[in-house]
Amino acid sequence: LAAVSVLALAGCASQSEKEKQISAQQLVDQELREQAIKIKLAQDELYQAGAIIRTRYKFPTIINANSQYVRVSWQGDAYELLEQLAKQRGLQFTSQGIKLPLPLNIDVGGSKVTFEQLLTLIRQQTQYRATINQKPGELQLLYLTPSKKGSFLRGSRP
């Protein structure tokens, strides 16, 4: 009888421990929800005051083919955009050379542009400093090497 009562008490103790863990998790979840709401309200207030600008930047979930239409509005470094595009296309992204800033301004949100055409537009804006190659399973960004005279090796003039 004493052994049964000890087991019964042990069972009660373990239940209350589980309940404590669940209630602690619920408290943490509730606190996170409240903080997320506060952050959202603060962002809305800043947006209304003109202190921040919201931009919507969406990639298609998956780019299945080079002929698939994409919409992109991007102002930033080409490296970051190419890295994301490679992920969306299911390609491995690699870069070689000294990483230099590659400012890029692309806005094809309202027009029909294929993935391949988008790469061509990016190449046009970055060819002075880098080469972009698409190989089977890979998207490469090859930075050009500056010569000693301050220009780049490809396309340098005597």
Protein backbone atom coordinates (compact mmCIF):
# COMPACT_ATOMS: atom_id res chain seq x y z
CA LEU A 1 0.00 0.00 0.00
CA ALA A 2 2.87 2.36 0.80
CA ALA A 3 4.49 1.61 -2.57
CA VAL A 4 1.23 2.37 -4.41
CA SER A 5 0.81 5.68 -2.60
CA VAL A 6 4.43 6.66 -3.42
CA LEU A 7 3.82 5.89 -7.11
CA ALA A 8 0.57 7.85 -7.07
CA LEU A 9 2.30 10.85 -5.53
CA ALA A 10 5.15 10.61 -8.05
CA GLY A 11 2.59 10.61 -10.87
CA CYS A 12 0.96 13.76 -9.49
CA ALA A 13 4.32 15.48 -9.20
CA SER A 14 5.23 14.69 -12.82
CA GLN A 15 1.87 15.98 -14.04
CA SER A 16 2.29 19.26 -12.27
CA GLU A 17 5.81 19.57 -13.74
CA LYS A 18 4.39 19.07 -17.25
CA GLU A 19 1.69 21.60 -16.54
CA LYS A 20 4.36 24.07 -15.40
CA GLN A 21 6.29 23.53 -18.64
CA ILE A 22 3.17 24.02 -20.75
CA SER A 23 2.13 27.14 -18.87
CA ALA A 24 5.67 28.55 -19.13
CA GLN A 25 5.62 27.93 -22.90
CA GLN A 26 2.21 29.59 -23.14
CA LEU A 27 3.55 32.62 -21.26
CA VAL A 28 6.53 32.87 -23.61
CA ASP A 29 4.27 32.55 -26.67
CA GLN A 30 1.91 35.21 -25.34
CA GLU A 31 4.81 37.57 -24.62
CA LEU A 32 6.17 37.05 -28.15
CA ARG A 33 2.77 37.79 -29.66
CA GLU A 34 2.46 40.99 -27.61
CA GLN A 35 5.95 42.14 -28.59
CA ALA A 36 5.28 41.40 -32.27
CA ILE A 37 2.13 43.53 -32.10
CA LYS A 38 4.07 46.38 -30.45
CA ILE A 39 6.75 46.20 -33.15
CA LYS A 40 4.13 46.21 -35.92
CA LEU A 41 2.38 49.22 -34.37
CA ALA A 42 5.70 51.08 -34.06
CA GLN A 43 6.52 50.32 -37.71
CA ASP A 44 3.09 51.54 -38.79
CA GLU A 45 3.57 54.74 -36.81
CA LEU A 46 6.99 55.34 -38.39
CA TYR A 47 5.58 54.63 -41.83
CA GLN A 48 2.74 57.11 -41.28
CA ALA A 49 5.26 59.72 -40.16
CA GLY A 50 7.30 59.13 -43.33
CA ALA A 51 10.33 57.89 -41.42
CA ILE A 52 10.44 54.56 -43.24
CA ILE A 53 9.44 53.45 -46.70
CA ARG A 54 7.91 50.05 -47.25
CA THR A 55 8.89 48.19 -50.34
CA ARG A 56 7.36 44.96 -51.43
CA TYR A 57 9.93 42.64 -52.86
CA LYS A 58 8.68 39.24 -53.84
CA PHE A 59 10.28 36.55 -55.88
CA PRO A 60 8.28 33.73 -57.33
CA THR A 61 8.57 30.73 -55.07
CA ILE A 62 10.29 28.67 -57.73
CA ILE A 63 11.65 29.62 -61.14
CA ASN A 64 11.22 26.45 -63.18
CA ALA A 65 12.77 27.52 -66.48
CA ASN A 66 14.77 30.30 -68.10
CA SER A 67 11.63 31.12 -70.10
CA GLN A 68 9.49 31.71 -66.99
CA TYR A 69 8.32 35.28 -66.51
CA VAL A 70 9.58 37.10 -63.44
CA ARG A 71 8.89 40.46 -61.86
CA VAL A 72 11.66 42.20 -59.97
CA SER A 73 12.17 45.66 -58.57
CA TRP A 74 15.68 45.92 -57.14
CA GLN A 75 18.02 48.69 -56.07
CA GLY A 76 21.09 47.25 -54.44
CA ASP A 77 24.07 45.04 -55.00
CA ALA A 78 23.91 42.59 -57.91
CA TYR A 79 25.58 39.88 -55.82
CA GLU A 80 22.60 39.68 -53.47
CA LEU A 81 20.04 39.63 -56.27
CA LEU A 82 21.92 36.96 -58.23
CA GLU A 83 22.32 34.84 -55.12
CA GLN A 84 18.55 34.95 -54.50
CA LEU A 85 17.72 34.31 -58.16
CA ALA A 86 20.02 31.28 -58.17
CA LYS A 87 18.22 29.87 -55.13
CA GLN A 88 14.83 30.42 -56.74
CA ARG A 89 16.02 28.78 -59.97
CA GLY A 90 17.55 25.84 -58.07
CA LEU A 91 21.08 26.72 -59.12
CA GLN A 92 24.26 26.80 -57.07
CA PHE A 93 25.56 30.36 -56.84
CA THR A 94 29.31 30.92 -56.97
CA SER A 95 31.45 34.01 -57.22
CA GLN A 96 35.14 34.42 -57.96
CA GLY A 97 37.49 37.33 -57.63
CA ILE A 98 37.65 40.30 -55.33
CA LYS A 99 34.11 41.21 -54.33
CA LEU A 100 33.45 44.74 -55.49
CA PRO A 101 30.23 46.71 -55.22
CA LEU A 102 27.99 46.09 -58.22
CA PRO A 103 25.22 48.67 -57.94
CA LEU A 104 22.13 47.55 -59.77
CA ASN A 105 18.84 49.26 -60.52
CA ILE A 106 16.29 46.91 -62.08
CA ASP A 107 12.55 47.46 -62.27
CA VAL A 108 10.67 44.90 -64.33
CA GLY A 109 7.65 44.66 -62.06
CA GLY A 110 5.10 45.73 -64.65
CA SER A 111 6.51 44.13 -67.78
CA LYS A 112 6.86 40.55 -68.92
CA VAL A 113 10.51 39.58 -68.66
CA THR A 114 11.82 36.05 -68.65
CA PHE A 115 14.49 34.83 -66.26
CA GLU A 116 17.01 34.78 -69.13
CA GLN A 117 16.09 38.33 -70.18
CA LEU A 118 16.49 39.46 -66.57
CA LEU A 119 20.00 38.00 -66.50
CA THR A 120 20.76 39.92 -69.72
CA LEU A 121 19.56 43.16 -68.12
CA ILE A 122 21.75 42.49 -65.08
CA ARG A 123 24.73 41.70 -67.34
CA GLN A 124 24.27 45.02 -69.15
CA GLN A 125 24.52 46.95 -65.90
CA THR A 126 27.42 44.98 -64.41
CA GLN A 127 29.61 44.07 -67.39
CA TYR A 128 32.07 46.86 -66.61
CA ARG A 129 33.07 45.07 -63.42
CA ALA A 130 31.90 41.45 -63.65
CA THR A 131 30.84 38.60 -65.91
CA ILE A 132 27.74 36.52 -65.25
CA ASN A 133 27.59 32.96 -66.57
CA GLN A 134 24.82 30.43 -66.31
CA LYS A 135 25.95 26.84 -66.60
CA PRO A 136 23.96 23.67 -65.97
CA GLY A 137 23.16 23.72 -62.26
CA GLU A 138 25.22 26.84 -61.57
CA LEU A 139 25.06 30.63 -61.76
CA GLN A 140 28.49 32.29 -61.68
CA LEU A 141 29.50 35.84 -60.88
CA LEU A 142 33.10 36.44 -61.95
CA TYR A 143 34.57 39.73 -60.79
CA LEU A 144 37.04 41.31 -63.18
CA THR A 145 40.54 41.98 -61.91
CA PRO A 146 41.60 45.65 -61.86
CA SER A 147 44.83 46.38 -63.73
CA LYS A 148 47.54 48.57 -62.24
CA LYS A 149 46.38 51.59 -64.26
CA GLY A 150 43.04 51.65 -62.48
CA SER A 151 40.94 50.09 -65.22
CA PHE A 152 39.78 46.53 -65.54
CA LEU A 153 41.65 43.94 -67.58
CA ARG A 154 38.83 43.16 -69.95
CA GLY A 155 38.06 46.19 -72.07
CA SER A 156 40.99 48.28 -70.82
CA ARG A 157 42.41 50.80 -73.25
CA PRO A 158 46.13 51.45 -73.84
